[in-house]
Amino acid sequence: MYQDEPATQYDHYRIAKTHEKQGRFDEALQSYAKAIHMDEDYAYAWYYKGLLHQKLGQNQEAVRCAERALKLEPKWEKHVQKIIEECSRK
């Protein structure tokens, strides 16, 4: 089966979510990064990349991503602050 190369940040985001669900975390982080590279203001990619870094115990990177997501989407403060607070406790 032929598969086209991902064309948009949304394609890379969907691929990242699939990798993450399948436990392929390095590939997920790479796909989130590609989505962000295509659109630096893609808040969903920043947020979920931050959550994955948190899950992997990479707290400094998780906070960096969460802060970027919060800057882009201030209305997400409740959810983003949870990442920041949990990472700060560790």
N, C-alpha and C. Protein backbone atom coordinates (compact mmCIF):
# COMPACT_ATOMS: atom_id res chain seq x y z
N MET A 1 0.83 -1.17 0.00
CA MET A 1 0.00 0.00 0.00
C MET A 1 0.88 1.25 0.00
N TYR A 2 0.63 2.18 -0.90
CA TYR A 2 1.39 3.41 -1.02
C TYR A 2 0.84 4.45 -0.05
N GLN A 3 1.74 5.11 0.65
CA GLN A 3 1.32 6.13 1.59
C GLN A 3 2.02 7.44 1.24
N ASP A 4 1.23 8.49 1.06
CA ASP A 4 1.80 9.80 0.75
C ASP A 4 2.57 10.35 1.93
N GLU A 5 3.54 11.17 1.63
CA GLU A 5 4.30 11.88 2.65
C GLU A 5 3.37 12.88 3.34
N PRO A 6 3.44 12.99 4.66
CA PRO A 6 2.60 13.97 5.36
C PRO A 6 2.82 15.37 4.78
N ALA A 7 1.73 16.08 4.52
CA ALA A 7 1.83 17.36 3.84
C ALA A 7 1.62 18.57 4.74
N THR A 8 0.95 18.38 5.84
CA THR A 8 0.63 19.53 6.70
C THR A 8 1.00 19.25 8.14
N GLN A 9 0.95 20.29 8.94
CA GLN A 9 1.20 20.14 10.38
C GLN A 9 0.14 19.23 11.00
N TYR A 10 -1.06 19.26 10.45
CA TYR A 10 -2.13 18.41 10.97
C TYR A 10 -1.85 16.94 10.70
N ASP A 11 -1.26 16.66 9.54
CA ASP A 11 -0.87 15.27 9.23
C ASP A 11 0.16 14.78 10.24
N HIS A 12 1.16 15.60 10.50
CA HIS A 12 2.21 15.21 11.45
C HIS A 12 1.64 15.05 12.86
N TYR A 13 0.71 15.91 13.23
CA TYR A 13 0.06 15.82 14.54
C TYR A 13 -0.69 14.50 14.66
N ARG A 14 -1.46 14.15 13.65
CA ARG A 14 -2.21 12.88 13.68
C ARG A 14 -1.26 11.68 13.75
N ILE A 15 -0.18 11.76 13.03
CA ILE A 15 0.82 10.69 13.07
C ILE A 15 1.43 10.59 14.47
N ALA A 16 1.71 11.74 15.07
CA ALA A 16 2.26 11.76 16.43
C ALA A 16 1.31 11.09 17.41
N LYS A 17 0.04 11.41 17.32
CA LYS A 17 -0.95 10.81 18.23
C LYS A 17 -1.00 9.30 18.04
N THR A 18 -0.92 8.84 16.79
CA THR A 18 -0.92 7.40 16.51
C THR A 18 0.32 6.73 17.11
N HIS A 19 1.49 7.33 16.88
CA HIS A 19 2.72 6.78 17.47
C HIS A 19 2.61 6.70 18.99
N GLU A 20 2.08 7.76 19.58
CA GLU A 20 1.97 7.81 21.03
C GLU A 20 1.06 6.69 21.54
N LYS A 21 -0.07 6.49 20.89
CA LYS A 21 -1.00 5.43 21.30
C LYS A 21 -0.36 4.05 21.19
N GLN A 22 0.56 3.90 20.23
CA GLN A 22 1.22 2.62 20.02
C GLN A 22 2.50 2.47 20.84
N GLY A 23 2.77 3.45 21.70
CA GLY A 23 3.94 3.37 22.57
C GLY A 23 5.25 3.72 21.90
N ARG A 24 5.20 4.28 20.73
CA ARG A 24 6.41 4.69 20.01
C ARG A 24 6.66 6.18 20.30
N PHE A 25 7.19 6.42 21.49
CA PHE A 25 7.28 7.78 22.00
C PHE A 25 8.31 8.64 21.28
N ASP A 26 9.44 8.07 20.90
CA ASP A 26 10.44 8.85 20.17
C ASP A 26 9.88 9.32 18.83
N GLU A 27 9.19 8.40 18.14
CA GLU A 27 8.59 8.76 16.86
C GLU A 27 7.50 9.81 17.05
N ALA A 28 6.75 9.70 18.14
CA ALA A 28 5.70 10.69 18.44
C ALA A 28 6.33 12.06 18.64
N LEU A 29 7.39 12.13 19.44
CA LEU A 29 8.05 13.41 19.67
C LEU A 29 8.58 14.01 18.37
N GLN A 30 9.12 13.17 17.51
CA GLN A 30 9.61 13.64 16.21
C GLN A 30 8.48 14.20 15.36
N SER A 31 7.34 13.53 15.37
CA SER A 31 6.20 13.99 14.58
C SER A 31 5.62 15.28 15.14
N TYR A 32 5.54 15.39 16.47
CA TYR A 32 5.10 16.66 17.06
C TYR A 32 6.05 17.79 16.65
N ALA A 33 7.34 17.50 16.69
CA ALA A 33 8.34 18.50 16.30
C ALA A 33 8.18 18.92 14.84
N LYS A 34 7.87 17.97 13.98
CA LYS A 34 7.65 18.30 12.56
C LYS A 34 6.41 19.18 12.40
N ALA A 35 5.36 18.87 13.15
CA ALA A 35 4.15 19.70 13.10
C ALA A 35 4.47 21.12 13.54
N ILE A 36 5.23 21.25 14.61
CA ILE A 36 5.61 22.57 15.12
C ILE A 36 6.52 23.29 14.14
N HIS A 37 7.41 22.55 13.50
CA HIS A 37 8.30 23.15 12.51
C HIS A 37 7.49 23.75 11.36
N MET A 38 6.42 23.09 10.98
CA MET A 38 5.58 23.58 9.89
C MET A 38 4.71 24.77 10.33
N ASP A 39 4.35 24.80 11.61
CA ASP A 39 3.53 25.90 12.14
C ASP A 39 3.90 26.11 13.60
N GLU A 40 4.76 27.08 13.85
CA GLU A 40 5.25 27.33 15.20
C GLU A 40 4.15 27.76 16.16
N ASP A 41 2.99 28.12 15.63
CA ASP A 41 1.87 28.56 16.46
C ASP A 41 0.80 27.49 16.60
N TYR A 42 1.15 26.24 16.35
CA TYR A 42 0.20 25.14 16.45
C TYR A 42 0.12 24.68 17.90
N ALA A 43 -0.77 25.28 18.65
CA ALA A 43 -0.85 25.07 20.10
C ALA A 43 -1.10 23.62 20.49
N TYR A 44 -1.93 22.91 19.73
CA TYR A 44 -2.21 21.51 20.08
C TYR A 44 -0.94 20.68 20.07
N ALA A 45 -0.09 20.89 19.08
CA ALA A 45 1.17 20.13 19.01
C ALA A 45 2.06 20.47 20.20
N TRP A 46 2.15 21.75 20.55
CA TRP A 46 2.94 22.15 21.71
C TRP A 46 2.41 21.50 22.98
N TYR A 47 1.09 21.55 23.16
CA TYR A 47 0.47 21.02 24.38
C TYR A 47 0.70 19.51 24.52
N TYR A 48 0.40 18.77 23.47
CA TYR A 48 0.52 17.32 23.57
C TYR A 48 1.98 16.86 23.58
N LYS A 49 2.85 17.61 22.95
CA LYS A 49 4.28 17.32 23.06
C LYS A 49 4.72 17.51 24.51
N GLY A 50 4.21 18.56 25.14
CA GLY A 50 4.51 18.79 26.55
C GLY A 50 4.01 17.67 27.44
N LEU A 51 2.79 17.22 27.19
CA LEU A 51 2.25 16.10 27.97
C LEU A 51 3.10 14.84 27.82
N LEU A 52 3.55 14.58 26.61
CA LEU A 52 4.38 13.40 26.38
C LEU A 52 5.72 13.54 27.09
N HIS A 53 6.33 14.70 27.01
CA HIS A 53 7.59 14.91 27.74
C HIS A 53 7.37 14.69 29.23
N GLN A 54 6.24 15.17 29.75
CA GLN A 54 5.93 14.97 31.16
C GLN A 54 5.83 13.48 31.46
N LYS A 55 5.13 12.75 30.63
CA LYS A 55 4.96 11.31 30.81
C LYS A 55 6.31 10.60 30.84
N LEU A 56 7.24 11.10 30.04
CA LEU A 56 8.57 10.49 29.95
C LEU A 56 9.53 11.00 31.02
N GLY A 57 9.04 11.87 31.91
CA GLY A 57 9.88 12.39 32.97
C GLY A 57 10.84 13.47 32.53
N GLN A 58 10.60 14.03 31.36
CA GLN A 58 11.45 15.09 30.82
C GLN A 58 10.81 16.44 31.18
N ASN A 59 10.88 16.74 32.47
CA ASN A 59 10.11 17.85 33.02
C ASN A 59 10.48 19.22 32.48
N GLN A 60 11.74 19.48 32.28
CA GLN A 60 12.16 20.79 31.79
C GLN A 60 11.58 21.03 30.39
N GLU A 61 11.66 20.05 29.54
CA GLU A 61 11.11 20.19 28.18
C GLU A 61 9.59 20.24 28.22
N ALA A 62 8.97 19.51 29.13
CA ALA A 62 7.52 19.54 29.28
C ALA A 62 7.05 20.95 29.64
N VAL A 63 7.74 21.58 30.57
CA VAL A 63 7.38 22.94 30.98
C VAL A 63 7.57 23.91 29.82
N ARG A 64 8.65 23.77 29.10
CA ARG A 64 8.91 24.66 27.96
C ARG A 64 7.78 24.57 26.94
N CYS A 65 7.37 23.36 26.62
CA CYS A 65 6.29 23.18 25.65
C CYS A 65 4.96 23.70 26.20
N ALA A 66 4.70 23.43 27.47
CA ALA A 66 3.45 23.88 28.10
C ALA A 66 3.38 25.41 28.11
N GLU A 67 4.48 26.05 28.43
CA GLU A 67 4.49 27.51 28.45
C GLU A 67 4.23 28.08 27.06
N ARG A 68 4.76 27.44 26.05
CA ARG A 68 4.51 27.89 24.67
C ARG A 68 3.04 27.70 24.32
N ALA A 69 2.45 26.57 24.69
CA ALA A 69 1.03 26.33 24.43
C ALA A 69 0.18 27.37 25.14
N LEU A 70 0.54 27.71 26.35
CA LEU A 70 -0.22 28.69 27.12
C LEU A 70 -0.13 30.08 26.49
N LYS A 71 1.02 30.41 25.99
CA LYS A 71 1.19 31.70 25.31
C LYS A 71 0.28 31.78 24.08
N LEU A 72 0.15 30.67 23.38
CA LEU A 72 -0.67 30.63 22.17
C LEU A 72 -2.16 30.54 22.47
N GLU A 73 -2.50 29.86 23.56
CA GLU A 73 -3.91 29.63 23.92
C GLU A 73 -4.12 29.92 25.41
N PRO A 74 -4.20 31.20 25.78
CA PRO A 74 -4.35 31.55 27.20
C PRO A 74 -5.58 30.92 27.86
N LYS A 75 -6.59 30.63 27.10
CA LYS A 75 -7.80 30.03 27.69
C LYS A 75 -7.57 28.60 28.15
N TRP A 76 -6.46 28.00 27.80
CA TRP A 76 -6.11 26.65 28.23
C TRP A 76 -5.38 26.66 29.57
N GLU A 77 -5.34 27.78 30.24
CA GLU A 77 -4.51 27.94 31.44
C GLU A 77 -4.70 26.82 32.47
N LYS A 78 -5.94 26.44 32.74
CA LYS A 78 -6.21 25.41 33.74
C LYS A 78 -5.47 24.11 33.41
N HIS A 79 -5.52 23.70 32.17
CA HIS A 79 -4.90 22.44 31.75
C HIS A 79 -3.38 22.56 31.67
N VAL A 80 -2.92 23.66 31.14
CA VAL A 80 -1.48 23.85 30.97
C VAL A 80 -0.80 24.02 32.33
N GLN A 81 -1.42 24.76 33.22
CA GLN A 81 -0.84 24.96 34.54
C GLN A 81 -0.66 23.65 35.28
N LYS A 82 -1.53 22.70 35.03
CA LYS A 82 -1.40 21.38 35.66
C LYS A 82 -0.07 20.72 35.28
N ILE A 83 0.30 20.81 34.02
CA ILE A 83 1.58 20.25 33.57
C ILE A 83 2.72 20.97 34.28
N ILE A 84 2.67 22.28 34.27
CA ILE A 84 3.75 23.08 34.85
C ILE A 84 3.90 22.79 36.35
N GLU A 85 2.78 22.74 37.05
CA GLU A 85 2.83 22.49 38.50
C GLU A 85 3.33 21.09 38.81
N GLU A 86 2.86 20.10 38.08
CA GLU A 86 3.31 18.72 38.35
C GLU A 86 4.78 18.54 38.04
N CYS A 87 5.26 19.19 37.00
CA CYS A 87 6.68 19.07 36.66
C CYS A 87 7.56 19.82 37.65
N SER A 88 7.04 20.88 38.22
CA SER A 88 7.80 21.67 39.19
C SER A 88 7.97 20.95 40.51
N ARG A 89 7.05 20.04 40.82
CA ARG A 89 7.11 19.28 42.09
C ARG A 89 8.16 18.19 42.06
N LYS A 90 8.59 17.80 40.91
CA LYS A 90 9.51 16.65 40.78
C LYS A 90 10.95 17.09 40.83
